[in-house]
Protein backbone atom coordinates (compact mmCIF):
# COMPACT_ATOMS: atom_id res chain seq x y z
CA MET A 1 38.10 53.02 0.10
CA SER A 2 37.49 54.60 3.50
CA THR A 3 39.34 57.68 4.69
CA VAL A 4 41.78 57.01 7.54
CA ILE A 5 42.76 59.83 9.90
CA ALA A 6 45.16 59.30 12.80
CA GLY A 7 44.72 55.57 12.31
CA ILE A 8 40.92 55.77 12.58
CA ALA A 9 38.83 54.75 9.58
CA ILE A 10 35.84 56.96 8.85
CA PRO A 11 32.85 54.64 8.29
CA ASP A 12 31.96 54.51 4.60
CA SER A 13 28.71 52.55 4.63
CA ALA A 14 25.68 53.92 2.81
CA LEU A 15 24.17 54.90 6.17
CA ALA A 16 27.31 56.74 7.27
CA ALA A 17 27.58 58.50 3.91
CA GLU A 18 23.99 59.68 4.18
CA ALA A 19 24.59 60.90 7.74
CA THR A 20 27.62 62.85 6.54
CA GLU A 21 25.63 64.42 3.72
CA LEU A 22 22.79 65.39 6.05
CA VAL A 23 25.11 67.09 8.54
CA ARG A 24 27.18 68.72 5.78
CA ASP A 25 23.98 70.20 4.37
CA ALA A 26 22.44 71.34 7.69
CA ALA A 27 25.44 72.48 9.71
CA PRO A 28 28.04 75.20 9.16
CA ASP A 29 31.68 74.20 8.70
CA LEU A 30 32.32 74.89 12.39
CA LEU A 31 29.90 72.17 13.54
CA PHE A 32 30.70 69.74 10.73
CA HIS A 33 34.42 69.72 11.49
CA HIS A 34 33.74 69.64 15.24
CA SER A 35 31.48 66.62 14.83
CA ARG A 36 34.06 64.73 12.79
CA ARG A 37 36.70 65.51 15.43
CA VAL A 38 34.33 64.22 18.11
CA PHE A 39 34.19 60.87 16.29
CA LEU A 40 37.95 60.75 15.84
CA PHE A 41 38.87 61.84 19.36
CA GLY A 42 36.22 59.56 20.85
CA SER A 43 37.60 56.63 18.85
CA LEU A 44 41.19 57.40 19.82
CA ARG A 45 40.34 57.69 23.49
CA GLY A 46 38.32 54.48 23.26
CA ARG A 47 41.41 52.65 22.02
CA ARG A 48 43.39 53.80 25.02
CA LEU A 49 40.62 52.99 27.47
CA GLY A 50 39.88 49.57 26.01
CA LEU A 51 36.36 50.59 24.95
CA THR A 52 35.17 49.16 21.65
CA ALA A 53 32.17 50.83 20.03
CA ASP A 54 30.37 49.98 16.83
CA PRO A 55 32.08 52.53 14.52
CA GLU A 56 28.96 53.24 12.49
CA LEU A 57 26.81 53.93 15.55
CA LEU A 58 29.51 56.06 17.16
CA TYR A 59 29.88 57.98 13.91
CA VAL A 60 26.17 58.79 13.69
CA GLY A 61 26.14 59.81 17.35
CA ALA A 62 29.10 62.11 16.85
CA MET A 63 27.81 63.61 13.62
CA PHE A 64 24.29 64.28 14.93
CA HIS A 65 25.23 65.41 18.44
CA ASP A 66 25.03 69.16 17.71
CA LEU A 67 22.25 69.17 15.09
CA GLY A 68 20.03 70.84 17.67
CA LEU A 69 22.15 73.97 17.31
CA THR A 70 21.40 74.31 13.59
CA GLU A 71 18.59 76.40 12.12
CA ARG A 72 17.13 73.37 10.38
CA PHE A 73 16.86 71.11 13.41
CA ARG A 74 16.68 73.36 16.46
CA GLY A 75 13.42 73.26 18.37
CA ALA A 76 11.64 75.93 20.39
CA THR A 77 11.44 74.47 23.88
CA GLN A 78 13.42 71.31 24.65
CA ARG A 79 17.17 71.02 25.26
CA PHE A 80 19.22 71.17 22.08
CA GLU A 81 20.75 67.78 22.88
CA LEU A 82 17.29 66.22 22.55
CA ASP A 83 16.78 67.79 19.12
CA GLY A 84 19.83 66.00 17.79
CA ALA A 85 18.99 62.76 19.60
CA ASP A 86 15.44 62.74 18.25
CA GLU A 87 16.61 63.40 14.70
CA ALA A 88 19.18 60.60 14.96
CA ARG A 89 16.43 58.24 16.11
CA ARG A 90 14.24 59.17 13.14
CA PHE A 91 17.18 58.77 10.78
CA LEU A 92 18.22 55.37 12.11
CA GLU A 93 14.71 54.00 12.33
CA SER A 94 14.09 55.01 8.72
CA HIS A 95 17.06 52.80 7.81
CA GLY A 96 15.77 49.81 9.76
CA VAL A 97 18.44 49.97 12.48
CA PRO A 98 17.53 47.74 15.47
CA ALA A 99 15.91 49.45 18.46
CA GLU A 100 18.78 48.62 20.84
CA SER A 101 21.29 50.30 18.53
CA VAL A 102 19.01 53.30 18.11
CA ARG A 103 18.79 53.64 21.89
CA LYS A 104 22.57 53.75 22.25
CA VAL A 105 22.90 56.52 19.69
CA TRP A 106 20.01 58.46 21.19
CA GLU A 107 21.51 58.28 24.68
CA GLY A 108 24.98 59.17 23.42
CA ILE A 109 23.63 62.41 21.96
CA ALA A 110 21.11 63.24 24.68
CA LEU A 111 23.69 62.82 27.44
CA HIS A 112 26.77 64.33 25.83
CA THR A 113 26.72 67.43 28.07
CA THR A 114 25.87 65.49 31.23
CA PRO A 115 29.01 64.84 33.29
CA GLU A 116 29.86 61.31 34.48
CA VAL A 117 26.66 59.47 33.51
CA PRO A 118 27.65 58.51 29.93
CA TRP A 119 30.82 56.84 31.19
CA ARG A 120 28.69 54.25 33.05
CA LEU A 121 26.92 53.23 29.82
CA GLU A 122 27.89 51.47 26.59
CA PRO A 123 30.94 52.58 24.55
CA GLU A 124 28.67 54.06 21.86
CA VAL A 125 27.34 56.40 24.55
CA ALA A 126 30.53 57.04 26.50
CA LEU A 127 32.73 57.80 23.51
CA VAL A 128 30.53 60.56 22.12
CA THR A 129 31.05 62.31 25.44
CA ALA A 130 34.77 61.46 25.33
CA GLY A 131 35.11 63.11 21.94
CA VAL A 132 33.15 66.18 23.00
CA GLU A 133 35.14 66.54 26.21
CA THR A 134 38.42 66.38 24.32
CA ASP A 135 37.49 68.78 21.53
CA VAL A 136 35.61 71.37 23.59
CA LEU A 137 37.12 71.12 27.08
CA GLY A 138 40.54 69.60 26.42
CA ILE A 139 39.79 66.67 28.74
CA GLY A 140 41.89 63.69 27.71
CA ARG A 141 43.89 65.70 25.18
CA SER A 142 47.14 64.97 26.97
CA GLU A 143 46.45 61.24 26.63
CA LEU A 144 46.67 61.44 22.84
CA ALA A 145 49.90 61.48 20.84
CA GLU A 146 50.90 64.79 19.28
CA ALA A 147 50.96 63.11 15.87
CA GLU A 148 47.36 61.98 16.35
CA LEU A 149 46.22 65.44 17.41
CA ALA A 150 48.01 67.01 14.47
CA ALA A 151 46.47 64.57 11.99
CA VAL A 152 42.93 65.17 13.26
CA VAL A 153 43.27 68.95 13.25
CA ALA A 154 44.91 68.95 9.82
CA ALA A 155 41.94 67.07 8.41
CA HIS A 156 39.36 69.07 10.37
CA PRO A 157 40.79 72.47 11.35
CA ARG A 158 39.61 74.43 14.39
CA PRO A 159 40.41 78.12 13.74
CA ASP A 160 39.31 80.33 16.67
CA PHE A 161 37.26 77.33 17.77
CA LYS A 162 36.89 78.22 21.45
CA ARG A 163 35.13 81.53 20.80
CA ARG A 164 33.19 80.32 17.76
CA ILE A 165 31.73 77.24 19.45
CA ILE A 166 30.57 79.30 22.44
CA ARG A 167 28.76 81.65 20.04
CA ALA A 168 27.25 78.67 18.22
CA PHE A 169 25.95 77.32 21.54
CA ALA A 170 24.34 80.66 22.36
CA ASP A 171 22.79 80.97 18.91
CA GLY A 172 21.35 77.49 19.27
CA PHE A 173 19.42 78.06 22.48
CA ARG A 174 19.16 81.77 23.32
CA HIS A 175 15.56 81.63 22.05
CA ARG A 176 14.72 78.88 24.59
CA PRO A 177 16.55 79.96 27.76
CA ASP A 178 14.35 77.84 30.03
CA SER A 179 15.81 74.72 28.41
CA THR A 180 19.17 75.48 30.02
CA PHE A 181 17.90 74.92 33.57
CA GLY A 182 20.22 72.53 35.41
CA THR A 183 22.66 72.27 32.50
CA VAL A 184 26.07 73.64 31.54
CA ASN A 185 24.29 75.57 28.80
CA ALA A 186 23.16 78.18 31.32
CA ASP A 187 26.81 79.23 31.69
CA VAL A 188 26.91 80.13 28.00
CA LEU A 189 23.92 82.44 28.20
CA GLU A 190 25.20 84.09 31.38
CA HIS A 191 28.38 85.00 29.50
CA LEU A 192 26.78 86.10 26.23
CA GLU A 193 23.23 87.27 26.97
CA PRO A 194 23.00 90.55 28.92
CA GLY A 195 20.62 90.26 31.84
CA PHE A 196 20.31 86.48 31.72
CA ARG A 197 20.49 84.73 35.08
CA HIS A 198 20.28 80.98 35.38
CA THR A 199 17.30 79.47 37.18
CA ASP A 200 18.45 78.80 40.73
CA PHE A 201 17.64 75.26 41.90
CA VAL A 202 17.49 76.29 45.57
CA GLU A 203 15.09 79.13 44.76
CA VAL A 204 12.87 76.71 42.85
CA ILE A 205 12.70 74.43 45.91
CA LEU A 206 12.01 77.27 48.34
CA GLY A 207 9.42 78.83 46.02
CA SER A 208 7.49 75.64 45.35
CA ASP A 209 3.83 75.16 46.35
CA TRP A 210 4.78 73.13 49.43
CA PRO A 211 4.26 75.13 52.66
CA GLU A 212 7.47 73.83 54.22
């Protein structure tokens, strides 16, 4: 019998169960509970927006979206979002999931910190971003019923979440600061890493090899 939280059923297929186990094993409680809330908030917002996603694909996208912040899955050079997206692709392909479905999950994870773009794509992509925006930034929170918010947070608590998630971001990519160029992740390092200054896009243009 699947678990139901705030009226949303957590997928209980073998694939979803394995995804849950993988994330539970690799990620600290902070990221595990955050990822489950991303699925729940994304699903709730989808209901209100009339967006219907495949629950299993949305679940994998939500659960894997921050794997690139974990010690086990973080890389050395590329953006952390790509680490999680690439691992999700390997995971889904190993289970024989069709390429089109794999693409949706990959894009949902890879684009979850990119404003606006995910909303122009399929629900499996858009609703990962919706869940992240609600849980991290509070965007769309006011659209949800207080009873729904309470049910989600009761099942997956967020003690001192604002400060802890910022630290988790920094821990996940402070060793690869160049990967934050042109992303919101540069803001994290500017707040937490003494002496860090984001790469300035205008300076890159003016300092390029072109004479004018």
